[in-house]
Protein backbone atom coordinates (compact mmCIF):
# COMPACT_ATOMS: atom_id res chain seq x y z
CA MET A 1 0.53 0.13 0.44
CA VAL A 2 2.67 2.52 1.13
CA LEU A 3 4.84 0.86 -2.54
CA SER A 4 1.44 2.13 -4.48
CA VAL A 5 1.26 5.30 -2.98
CA VAL A 6 4.98 6.18 -3.83
CA SER A 7 4.60 5.31 -6.80
CA ASP A 8 1.56 7.31 -7.71
CA GLY A 9 2.81 9.85 -6.48
CA ALA A 10 5.84 10.11 -8.01
CA MET A 11 4.29 9.21 -11.04
CA ARG A 12 2.14 12.03 -10.81
CA GLY A 13 5.55 14.24 -10.12
CA LEU A 14 6.77 12.97 -13.22
CA ASP A 15 4.86 14.33 -15.65
CA SER A 16 4.34 17.52 -13.85
CA LEU A 17 8.24 17.89 -13.97
CA GLY A 18 8.01 16.52 -17.88
CA ASN A 19 5.98 19.28 -17.86
CA GLY A 20 8.15 22.07 -16.23
CA LEU A 21 11.30 20.78 -17.56
CA THR A 22 10.99 22.68 -20.88
CA SER A 23 10.38 25.93 -19.52
CA PRO A 24 14.17 27.18 -19.41
CA PHE A 25 14.76 25.82 -22.56
CA PHE A 26 10.86 26.68 -24.71
CA GLU A 27 7.91 27.63 -23.36
CA PRO A 28 6.95 27.92 -19.92
CA THR A 29 3.01 27.75 -18.38
CA LEU A 30 1.11 28.46 -15.34
CA ARG A 31 -1.82 27.07 -14.43
CA LEU A 32 -4.01 29.30 -12.60
CA GLY A 33 -7.00 28.30 -11.00
CA VAL A 34 -9.81 30.57 -10.47
CA THR A 35 -12.81 29.38 -8.02
CA GLY A 36 -15.05 31.04 -5.75
CA LEU A 37 -17.97 30.58 -3.29
CA ALA A 38 -21.42 30.58 -4.42
CA ARG A 39 -22.55 33.71 -6.79
CA ALA A 40 -18.90 35.08 -6.69
CA GLY A 41 -18.58 35.75 -10.40
CA LYS A 42 -16.18 33.31 -11.09
CA THR A 43 -17.39 33.23 -15.12
CA VAL A 44 -17.55 36.88 -15.09
CA PHE A 45 -13.51 37.20 -13.16
CA ILE A 46 -12.26 34.53 -16.24
CA THR A 47 -14.00 36.74 -19.01
CA SER A 48 -12.94 39.95 -17.86
CA LEU A 49 -9.17 39.22 -17.26
CA VAL A 50 -9.08 37.54 -20.43
CA ALA A 51 -10.57 40.10 -22.12
CA ASN A 52 -8.54 43.52 -20.61
CA LEU A 53 -5.66 40.47 -21.43
CA LEU A 54 -6.36 41.26 -24.37
CA ASN A 55 -6.76 44.90 -24.94
CA ARG A 56 -4.64 45.67 -22.28
CA GLY A 57 -5.36 49.50 -21.89
CA ARG A 58 -7.00 48.95 -18.94
CA MET A 59 -4.58 46.89 -16.89
CA LEU A 60 -2.48 49.54 -15.59
CA GLN A 61 -1.54 48.24 -12.68
CA LEU A 62 0.35 45.03 -14.34
CA GLU A 63 3.49 46.26 -14.76
CA ALA A 64 4.55 44.27 -17.38
CA ALA A 65 1.49 45.40 -19.63
CA ARG A 66 2.17 49.39 -18.40
CA SER A 67 5.85 49.38 -19.42
CA GLY A 68 5.22 47.72 -22.35
CA ARG A 69 7.08 44.44 -21.60
CA LEU A 70 3.59 42.10 -22.49
CA GLU A 71 3.49 42.86 -26.05
CA SER A 72 0.33 40.79 -27.39
CA ALA A 73 -1.78 37.77 -25.93
CA PHE A 74 -3.58 35.37 -28.33
CA LEU A 75 -5.78 32.18 -27.16
CA GLN A 76 -4.52 28.93 -28.33
CA PRO A 77 -6.32 25.26 -28.30
CA GLN A 78 -5.69 24.38 -24.74
CA PRO A 79 -3.60 20.76 -24.26
CA ASP A 80 -5.85 19.23 -22.16
CA MET A 81 -8.32 17.83 -25.01
CA THR A 82 -11.01 16.25 -22.23
CA VAL A 83 -11.41 19.17 -20.65
CA PRO A 84 -14.43 21.36 -22.12
CA ARG A 85 -13.41 24.82 -22.90
CA PHE A 86 -13.97 27.48 -21.29
CA SER A 87 -16.58 29.43 -23.72
CA TYR A 88 -14.79 32.75 -23.59
CA GLU A 89 -16.57 34.12 -27.00
CA ASP A 90 -19.83 33.31 -25.79
CA HIS A 91 -19.14 35.04 -22.51
CA LEU A 92 -18.11 38.06 -23.51
CA ALA A 93 -20.89 38.51 -25.66
CA ALA A 94 -23.32 38.13 -23.01
CA LEU A 95 -21.30 40.45 -21.70
CA THR A 96 -20.78 43.31 -23.92
CA GLY A 97 -24.08 42.51 -26.57
CA PRO A 98 -26.67 45.12 -27.28
CA LYS A 99 -28.71 43.74 -24.25
CA PRO A 100 -26.28 42.28 -22.17
CA HIS A 101 -27.19 40.24 -19.20
CA TRP A 102 -24.52 37.80 -16.70
CA PRO A 103 -23.90 34.69 -18.10
CA ALA A 104 -24.18 31.21 -16.64
CA SER A 105 -22.72 30.23 -13.46
CA THR A 106 -20.63 27.37 -13.48
CA ARG A 107 -21.20 23.90 -13.84
CA ALA A 108 -18.20 21.94 -14.74
CA VAL A 109 -14.35 21.89 -14.65
CA SER A 110 -13.93 23.67 -17.88
CA GLU A 111 -10.21 25.25 -18.90
CA LEU A 112 -9.08 28.65 -21.35
CA ARG A 113 -5.45 29.11 -22.70
CA LEU A 114 -3.88 32.55 -23.35
CA SER A 115 -0.42 33.06 -24.73
CA LEU A 116 1.60 35.51 -23.57
CA THR A 117 4.80 37.17 -26.17
CA LEU A 118 7.50 38.93 -24.06
CA GLN A 119 9.58 41.46 -24.48
CA PRO A 120 12.73 40.87 -22.92
CA SER A 121 14.39 42.86 -19.98
CA GLY A 122 17.12 43.36 -18.25
CA LEU A 123 20.97 44.29 -19.05
CA LEU A 124 21.62 41.09 -21.33
CA SER A 125 17.99 42.12 -23.53
CA GLY A 126 19.35 43.48 -26.35
CA PHE A 127 20.34 39.24 -26.74
CA GLN A 128 18.03 38.35 -25.66
CA GLY A 129 15.18 36.93 -28.64
CA LYS A 130 10.88 37.27 -27.08
CA ARG A 131 9.61 34.84 -25.33
CA ARG A 132 6.38 33.36 -24.66
CA LEU A 133 4.49 31.94 -21.69
CA HIS A 134 1.60 30.03 -22.20
CA LEU A 135 -1.42 30.66 -18.85
CA ASP A 136 -4.19 27.67 -18.61
CA ILE A 137 -6.79 29.25 -16.83
CA ILE A 138 -8.90 26.42 -14.80
CA ASP A 139 -12.59 26.67 -13.69
CA TYR A 140 -14.69 24.69 -10.93
CA PRO A 141 -17.09 25.25 -9.21
CA GLY A 142 -16.41 25.97 -5.32
CA GLU A 143 -18.61 23.23 -3.93
CA TRP A 144 -16.49 20.99 -5.38
CA LEU A 145 -13.22 23.08 -3.35
CA LEU A 146 -14.82 22.10 -0.56
CA ASP A 147 -15.68 18.65 -0.62
CA LEU A 148 -12.00 18.30 -0.64
CA ALA A 149 -11.48 19.04 3.48
CA LEU A 150 -14.31 16.30 3.07
CA LEU A 151 -10.83 13.45 2.49
CA ASP A 152 -9.60 14.59 6.31
CA LYS A 153 -12.99 13.94 7.82
CA GLY A 154 -14.92 10.50 8.29
CA TYR A 155 -18.54 9.86 7.86
CA GLU A 156 -19.58 10.29 12.02
CA THR A 157 -17.29 12.93 11.89
CA TRP A 158 -19.05 15.03 8.97
CA SER A 159 -22.33 13.70 10.07
CA GLN A 160 -22.13 15.54 13.23
CA GLU A 161 -20.92 18.64 12.05
CA VAL A 162 -23.53 19.09 9.74
CA LEU A 163 -26.04 18.52 11.98
CA ALA A 164 -24.62 20.54 14.88
CA ARG A 165 -25.46 23.12 12.39
CA MET A 166 -29.24 22.29 11.80
CA PRO A 167 -31.13 23.14 14.72
CA GLN A 168 -30.42 27.23 14.43
CA ARG A 169 -31.78 26.96 10.65
CA THR A 170 -35.24 26.78 9.70
CA CYS A 171 -34.85 25.61 6.05
CA ALA A 172 -33.35 21.76 8.22
CA LYS A 173 -36.88 22.07 9.44
CA LYS A 174 -37.90 19.00 6.87
CA TYR A 175 -35.16 17.00 7.44
CA LEU A 176 -34.77 17.03 10.73
CA GLN A 177 -38.47 15.63 10.66
CA ALA A 178 -37.72 12.68 8.97
CA LEU A 179 -34.53 12.27 10.20
CA GLY A 180 -36.85 11.62 13.42
CA GLU A 181 -38.55 9.39 12.17
CA THR A 182 -35.74 7.25 10.75
CA ASP A 183 -33.84 4.40 12.39
CA PRO A 184 -30.25 4.61 11.64
CA THR A 185 -29.90 1.04 13.22
CA ALA A 186 -32.80 -0.79 10.72
CA ASP A 187 -32.03 -2.40 7.61
CA HIS A 188 -30.73 -0.04 5.12
CA ASP A 189 -34.17 0.33 3.12
CA GLU A 190 -33.47 2.25 -1.12
CA VAL A 191 -36.94 3.71 -1.24
CA ARG A 192 -35.98 5.25 2.15
CA ALA A 193 -32.59 6.07 1.28
CA GLN A 194 -33.51 8.29 -1.47
CA LYS A 195 -36.54 9.86 0.21
CA LEU A 196 -34.07 11.21 2.73
CA THR A 197 -30.97 11.81 0.62
CA ALA A 198 -34.26 14.10 -1.04
CA GLU A 199 -35.00 16.18 1.63
CA PHE A 200 -31.63 16.50 2.41
CA THR A 201 -30.73 17.56 -1.25
CA ALA A 202 -33.57 19.99 -0.72
CA TYR A 203 -31.97 21.40 2.70
CA LEU A 204 -28.79 22.08 0.88
CA HIS A 205 -30.42 24.09 -1.95
CA ALA A 206 -32.38 25.85 0.80
CA SER A 207 -28.87 27.04 2.31
CA ARG A 208 -26.85 28.16 -0.54
CA LYS A 209 -29.82 30.21 -0.58
CA ALA A 210 -29.97 31.65 2.13
CA GLY A 211 -26.39 33.17 2.07
CA PHE A 212 -24.59 30.09 4.00
CA TYR A 213 -21.73 28.43 2.44
CA ASP A 214 -21.14 24.84 3.78
CA CYS A 215 -23.20 23.08 1.38
CA THR A 216 -20.99 19.74 1.25
CA PRO A 217 -21.37 17.21 -0.41
CA GLY A 218 -20.90 19.70 -3.00
CA ARG A 219 -21.54 17.19 -5.99
CA PHE A 220 -25.47 16.78 -4.74
CA LEU A 221 -25.72 20.47 -6.20
CA LEU A 222 -24.13 20.02 -9.22
CA PRO A 223 -24.73 16.50 -9.76
CA GLY A 224 -24.24 16.14 -13.67
CA ASP A 225 -24.47 12.41 -14.45
CA LEU A 226 -23.81 11.40 -11.29
CA GLU A 227 -27.54 12.08 -10.54
CA GLY A 228 -29.95 9.32 -8.94
CA SER A 229 -26.49 6.78 -8.60
CA PRO A 230 -25.86 5.61 -5.37
CA VAL A 231 -22.50 7.81 -5.02
CA LEU A 232 -25.10 10.11 -4.45
CA THR A 233 -27.53 8.75 -1.98
CA PHE A 234 -26.50 9.78 1.13
CA VAL A 235 -26.96 11.68 4.20
CA PRO A 236 -26.03 12.97 7.82
CA LEU A 237 -26.99 10.63 10.39
CA GLU A 238 -27.30 10.96 13.97
CA ARG A 239 -24.55 9.45 15.92
CA LEU A 240 -23.89 5.31 16.83
CA GLU A 241 -21.89 3.30 19.20
CA THR A 242 -22.18 0.38 17.42
CA ALA A 243 -24.06 -0.90 14.06
CA ARG A 244 -25.15 -3.17 12.36
CA ARG A 245 -23.27 -4.33 8.96
CA ARG A 246 -26.36 -4.09 7.03
CA SER A 247 -27.65 -1.07 8.56
CA LEU A 248 -28.98 1.95 7.14
CA TRP A 249 -25.81 3.75 9.10
CA ARG A 250 -23.41 1.37 8.07
CA GLU A 251 -24.83 1.86 4.00
CA MET A 252 -24.41 5.86 4.23
CA GLU A 253 -21.06 5.45 5.82
CA ARG A 254 -19.79 2.94 2.64
CA ARG A 255 -21.79 5.70 0.23
CA TYR A 256 -19.58 8.51 2.41
CA GLU A 257 -16.47 7.11 1.52
CA ALA A 258 -17.14 5.96 -1.95
CA TYR A 259 -18.33 9.94 -2.49
CA LYS A 260 -14.41 10.42 -1.74
CA ALA A 261 -13.10 7.34 -3.13
CA LYS A 262 -15.19 7.91 -6.94
CA VAL A 263 -16.03 11.65 -6.80
CA VAL A 264 -13.28 13.64 -4.45
CA LYS A 265 -10.45 12.13 -5.84
CA PRO A 266 -10.41 12.40 -8.83
CA PHE A 267 -11.22 15.42 -9.48
CA PHE A 268 -8.06 16.20 -6.57
CA ARG A 269 -5.77 14.30 -8.91
CA ASP A 270 -6.69 15.05 -12.22
CA HIS A 271 -6.89 18.46 -11.46
CA PHE A 272 -6.37 19.92 -8.38
CA VAL A 273 -2.42 19.06 -7.15
CA LYS A 274 -1.54 20.64 -11.52
CA ILE A 275 -2.54 24.08 -9.96
CA ASP A 276 0.56 26.83 -9.46
CA ARG A 277 -1.38 30.00 -8.52
CA GLN A 278 -5.52 29.95 -7.52
CA VAL A 279 -7.31 32.78 -6.61
CA VAL A 280 -10.01 31.92 -4.09
CA LEU A 281 -13.12 34.78 -5.55
CA VAL A 282 -16.00 35.69 -2.34
CA ASP A 283 -19.34 37.50 -2.28
CA ALA A 284 -18.81 39.27 1.21
CA LEU A 285 -20.78 41.37 0.57
CA SER A 286 -23.83 39.14 0.16
CA ALA A 287 -22.57 37.29 3.65
CA ILE A 288 -22.92 40.49 5.13
CA HIS A 289 -26.72 41.26 4.11
CA THR A 290 -27.05 37.72 5.02
CA GLY A 291 -26.22 38.62 8.95
CA PRO A 292 -23.58 37.50 11.83
CA GLN A 293 -23.87 33.57 10.98
CA ALA A 294 -24.01 33.80 7.65
CA VAL A 295 -20.45 35.70 8.06
CA GLU A 296 -19.18 32.33 10.60
CA ASP A 297 -20.04 30.72 8.10
CA LEU A 298 -17.99 32.22 5.71
CA ARG A 299 -14.94 32.46 7.65
CA LEU A 300 -14.77 29.22 9.14
CA ALA A 301 -15.58 27.95 4.78
CA MET A 302 -12.41 30.07 3.87
CA GLY A 303 -10.45 27.79 6.53
CA ASP A 304 -11.81 24.80 5.04
CA VAL A 305 -10.75 26.27 1.13
CA LEU A 306 -7.78 26.78 2.82
CA SER A 307 -7.06 23.65 4.33
CA ALA A 308 -7.87 22.24 0.65
CA PHE A 309 -4.68 23.92 -0.81
CA ARG A 310 -1.08 22.33 -0.76
CA PRO A 311 0.10 25.72 -0.37
CA GLY A 312 4.27 25.80 -0.53
CA ARG A 313 6.76 26.86 -3.23
CA ASN A 314 7.66 24.85 -6.10
CA GLY A 315 10.02 22.82 -6.00
CA PHE A 316 12.70 20.21 -7.93
CA LEU A 317 11.73 17.44 -4.80
CA THR A 318 8.33 18.55 -4.02
CA GLN A 319 7.24 18.41 -7.88
CA LEU A 320 8.78 14.92 -7.97
CA LEU A 321 7.43 13.34 -5.29
CA ARG A 322 4.14 14.89 -3.82
CA GLY A 323 3.11 16.85 -6.85
CA LYS A 324 2.90 20.75 -6.98
CA ARG A 325 2.12 23.05 -3.96
CA VAL A 326 0.20 26.23 -4.72
CA GLU A 327 2.78 29.47 -4.62
CA LYS A 328 0.25 32.13 -4.73
CA ILE A 329 -3.63 32.58 -2.87
CA LEU A 330 -6.04 35.10 -3.82
CA PHE A 331 -9.23 35.66 -1.66
CA ALA A 332 -11.13 38.19 -3.39
CA ALA A 333 -13.77 40.14 -2.33
CA THR A 334 -16.24 40.97 -5.72
CA LYS A 335 -18.71 43.10 -6.62
CA ALA A 336 -16.84 46.37 -5.24
CA ASP A 337 -18.67 47.72 -7.90
CA HIS A 338 -21.87 47.56 -5.41
CA LEU A 339 -20.31 50.09 -3.01
CA HIS A 340 -18.94 53.74 -3.06
CA HIS A 341 -15.26 54.02 -3.56
CA GLN A 342 -15.00 55.30 -0.04
CA GLN A 343 -15.91 52.20 1.39
CA HIS A 344 -13.79 50.25 -0.07
CA PRO A 345 -11.15 49.63 2.70
CA GLN A 346 -13.62 48.56 5.42
CA MET A 347 -14.36 46.37 2.01
CA THR A 348 -10.71 45.33 2.21
CA ALA A 349 -10.10 44.68 5.80
CA ILE A 350 -13.13 43.12 6.33
CA ILE A 351 -12.18 40.41 4.23
CA GLU A 352 -8.70 40.39 5.18
CA ALA A 353 -9.99 39.85 8.65
CA LEU A 354 -12.24 37.04 7.20
CA THR A 355 -9.14 34.58 5.37
CA ALA A 356 -6.49 35.78 8.56
CA GLU A 357 -6.27 32.50 9.68
CA ALA A 358 -6.57 30.77 5.71
CA ARG A 359 -3.33 33.47 4.78
CA ASP A 360 -0.96 32.57 8.40
CA ARG A 361 -1.25 29.04 7.23
CA ALA A 362 -0.41 29.14 3.95
CA GLN A 363 1.84 32.02 4.23
CA PHE A 364 3.65 29.13 7.47
CA ALA A 365 3.59 26.45 4.22
CA GLY A 366 5.51 29.16 2.31
CA ALA A 367 2.66 30.38 0.04
CA GLN A 368 2.09 33.71 -0.98
CA THR A 369 -1.56 35.21 -0.03
CA ALA A 370 -2.75 37.71 -1.00
CA ALA A 371 -6.53 39.66 -0.29
CA LEU A 372 -8.47 42.64 -2.04
CA ALA A 373 -11.62 44.29 -3.11
CA LEU A 374 -12.53 43.87 -6.83
CA ALA A 375 -14.98 44.44 -9.19
CA SER A 376 -14.42 41.98 -12.29
CA ILE A 377 -17.39 44.01 -14.51
CA ARG A 378 -17.69 47.82 -13.80
CA ALA A 379 -21.82 47.59 -13.57
CA THR A 380 -22.05 51.48 -11.95
CA THR A 381 -21.22 54.61 -11.04
CA GLU A 382 -21.12 56.45 -8.60
CA GLU A 383 -22.99 59.54 -6.18
CA MET A 384 -23.52 61.15 -3.50
CA ARG A 385 -26.99 62.00 -2.59
CA SER A 386 -28.90 64.68 0.20
CA HIS A 387 -30.46 62.37 3.03
CA ASN A 388 -32.07 63.91 6.44
CA GLY A 389 -29.09 66.51 6.28
CA GLN A 390 -25.94 63.99 5.21
CA ASP A 391 -24.45 63.07 2.01
CA LEU A 392 -24.94 59.63 1.76
CA PRO A 393 -21.70 58.05 -1.12
CA CYS A 394 -24.26 55.83 -3.13
CA VAL A 395 -24.16 53.75 -6.52
CA ARG A 396 -26.39 54.03 -9.48
CA GLY A 397 -27.30 51.07 -11.90
CA LYS A 398 -29.57 49.27 -13.83
CA LEU A 399 -31.76 46.45 -10.97
CA LEU A 400 -31.09 42.85 -12.12
CA GLU A 401 -35.19 42.46 -11.47
CA SER A 402 -36.73 45.88 -12.46
CA GLY A 403 -34.69 47.00 -15.33
CA ARG A 404 -34.84 49.82 -14.05
CA GLN A 405 -31.79 52.97 -12.90
CA SER A 406 -31.48 52.97 -9.00
CA ALA A 407 -29.40 54.78 -6.58
CA PHE A 408 -28.38 52.09 -3.59
CA TYR A 409 -26.01 52.90 0.06
CA PRO A 410 -25.94 49.49 1.06
CA GLY A 411 -25.12 51.11 4.74
CA ALA A 412 -21.77 52.10 5.93
CA LEU A 413 -19.61 48.99 6.35
CA PRO A 414 -17.68 49.65 9.81
CA ASP A 415 -14.17 50.53 9.83
CA ASP A 416 -12.63 48.04 12.52
CA PRO A 417 -13.81 44.75 11.32
CA ALA A 418 -14.13 42.92 14.14
CA ARG A 419 -17.63 44.72 14.41
CA LEU A 420 -18.77 41.87 12.14
CA LEU A 421 -17.04 39.26 13.13
CA ALA A 422 -16.63 38.75 16.58
CA PRO A 423 -20.82 39.29 17.13
CA ALA A 424 -20.55 36.32 14.54
CA ARG A 425 -17.85 33.98 16.24
CA LYS A 426 -21.01 34.71 19.03
CA GLY A 427 -23.45 32.80 17.29
CA ALA A 428 -25.89 36.77 17.02
CA GLU A 429 -28.78 36.54 15.38
CA ALA A 430 -29.16 40.12 13.76
CA TRP A 431 -26.32 43.12 13.35
CA LEU A 432 -26.58 45.32 16.52
CA GLY A 433 -27.99 48.92 15.63
CA SER A 434 -26.72 48.53 11.91
CA GLU A 435 -28.28 47.42 8.91
CA TYR A 436 -26.90 46.16 5.71
CA GLN A 437 -28.21 45.57 2.36
CA SER A 438 -27.11 43.95 -0.76
CA MET A 439 -29.30 44.95 -3.88
CA GLN A 440 -28.30 42.57 -7.73
CA PHE A 441 -27.31 44.90 -10.72
CA ALA A 442 -27.48 44.35 -13.96
CA PRO A 443 -24.47 44.89 -15.76
CA ALA A 444 -23.47 47.74 -17.84
CA GLU A 445 -23.82 48.88 -21.71
CA LEU A 446 -20.64 49.65 -22.89
CA ASP A 447 -19.25 51.27 -25.74
CA LEU A 448 -15.36 50.13 -25.81
CA LYS A 449 -12.61 51.89 -27.02
CA PRO A 450 -9.38 50.01 -29.20
CA GLY A 451 -7.48 48.85 -27.02
CA ASP A 452 -9.46 48.71 -23.43
CA GLY A 453 -10.96 45.68 -22.19
CA PRO A 454 -14.08 46.08 -20.48
CA PRO A 455 -13.82 48.75 -16.92
CA HIS A 456 -13.01 46.95 -13.99
CA ILE A 457 -12.11 47.69 -10.14
CA ARG A 458 -8.27 46.36 -9.79
CA LEU A 459 -8.68 43.54 -12.15
CA ASP A 460 -4.75 44.46 -13.15
CA ARG A 461 -3.86 44.46 -9.12
CA ALA A 462 -5.11 41.01 -9.38
CA ALA A 463 -3.07 39.96 -12.57
CA GLU A 464 0.19 41.71 -11.19
CA PHE A 465 -0.19 39.10 -7.71
CA LEU A 466 -0.78 36.22 -9.50
CA ILE A 467 1.38 35.99 -12.72
CA GLY A 468 3.13 40.07 -12.29
CA ASP A 469 6.36 37.73 -11.31
CA LYS A 470 6.19 35.44 -14.25
CA LEU A 471 5.68 37.87 -16.71
C-alpha cells in the first residue's frame, strides 16, 4: 500500500516535472485556478481577465502591460483535450452585447489557454529574443473545492458537524423531521434512503440560497451525470455506538467513503494538484447582508478552502515526489462596484479579517497570499445623495430584477472588522444597531474604445499579484 502511494505520487510528480522541464528552454506554462463560493462571479472574472489581457488599455497596475514588456496575447487550443473549453467568446458576447446580461454560472470544470508574448528585460535584453508564457486558466465550482476538506473527515465526524448546524436554520426543519422518523439501526431500505437524500439535497439548496457556504457534498448541488447514483444517495445520521453491517448507518457510511474515493479524489488527482496559482472569489457583501451567522459560516468556509490547498513553494523534489503546490493564493471580495470607493478600504479590511487564519497557515507553509476587493466588470457609477441632511456615498445602476435605474446605499461598513466578526463568532442572530443591504445589478451597456477591455476595479492589481512575477 505504501509503495503504491509513493509510486503513484512519483509518477504524477514526473508528469509535472516533464511539463516543467521545458520551461527554461522552450515555453513555460503557468496554471491558474479560479474558483469561488456561491454567486461570487467566477465566469465574469475569467472573461474580464482574458479580455483585459488581450486589450490592455485598462491594466495599468499590471507592470508588464504598463511598461510595454507584455507585447501581445492570443488564445490557443488548450492542452487537455478531455476538459471542456471555457466558452470565452459566448460569455464576452453576453457581457458586451447590445442587451448585456450575466452569463451562466460555472457547473463543471473548464479550461482556457492564453499565450503571452513578452519582450526581454535587463542588462542582456539586447541579446535575447522574445519569450512566450502560456497561461492555462482552470475554472471549477467552489462547491467542489469545499469537498476536498472531506478527505480528512470520516462519516461520523462529517455527520456530527452537519447536524450541529441544522437546529439554527429554519431551512433544515423538514430534513430534521424526516431524520427523527428514521431508525439508523434498521436494515437499509433504498426507498427510504432516496427520500432522505431528497430532503437533505433540498436543505443544501435552501442553505446556499439563504447565503450559507457549508453546503457539502458539493456534487449534491451540481450532480451532472451522477444524479440518482448510489454515490450521491447518502445523508448525515445521528452518531451510533455500534451499527450492524446491513444497517442504514453502515450503508450511508459506505456510500460516503465511496463518494470521497470515486468523486472527490479523482478531481483532486486530475485537476487540483496541477494548479500553480489560485484565486478564490468571495461574495462577502451578500454574507454581510444575510447576517452574522452567514459571516461566521463564510469565515469557517475560508478555513476549509485553504485546508484543501497544498500551499508552498514549488521545488524539484516537491514536484517529483508530492506533486505541485500552490505558490500564490488570492482571496478577492467581488462586487466592489456595489460600494462607493469611499468604502472600499473597509471592504478590503473585512476580507482580510475573514481570511486571516487561512492566510496565516498558507504563509507558514511558504505560499504567498493576498486579499483585496475588486469588481471584474464595473456595472455601476458613483454619486453622492443627500438624505436627512447627510451626504451618502451611493452607487447607481440598472437593477437586475426590474431593469430600472436606481441609486443604492448599502449602509456604512465599520472601519474595524471586529465589529462584524465578533458578533458573528458569538452566534448573534442580527447586527446590533446596524443594517447592511445588498442589491443585484445588471451589467451596464459598454462602448469600448479600441485597445480597452471591459471596465473593472482592481482586476489589474489581482493580475499583478497572480502572474506579474512570471512576466
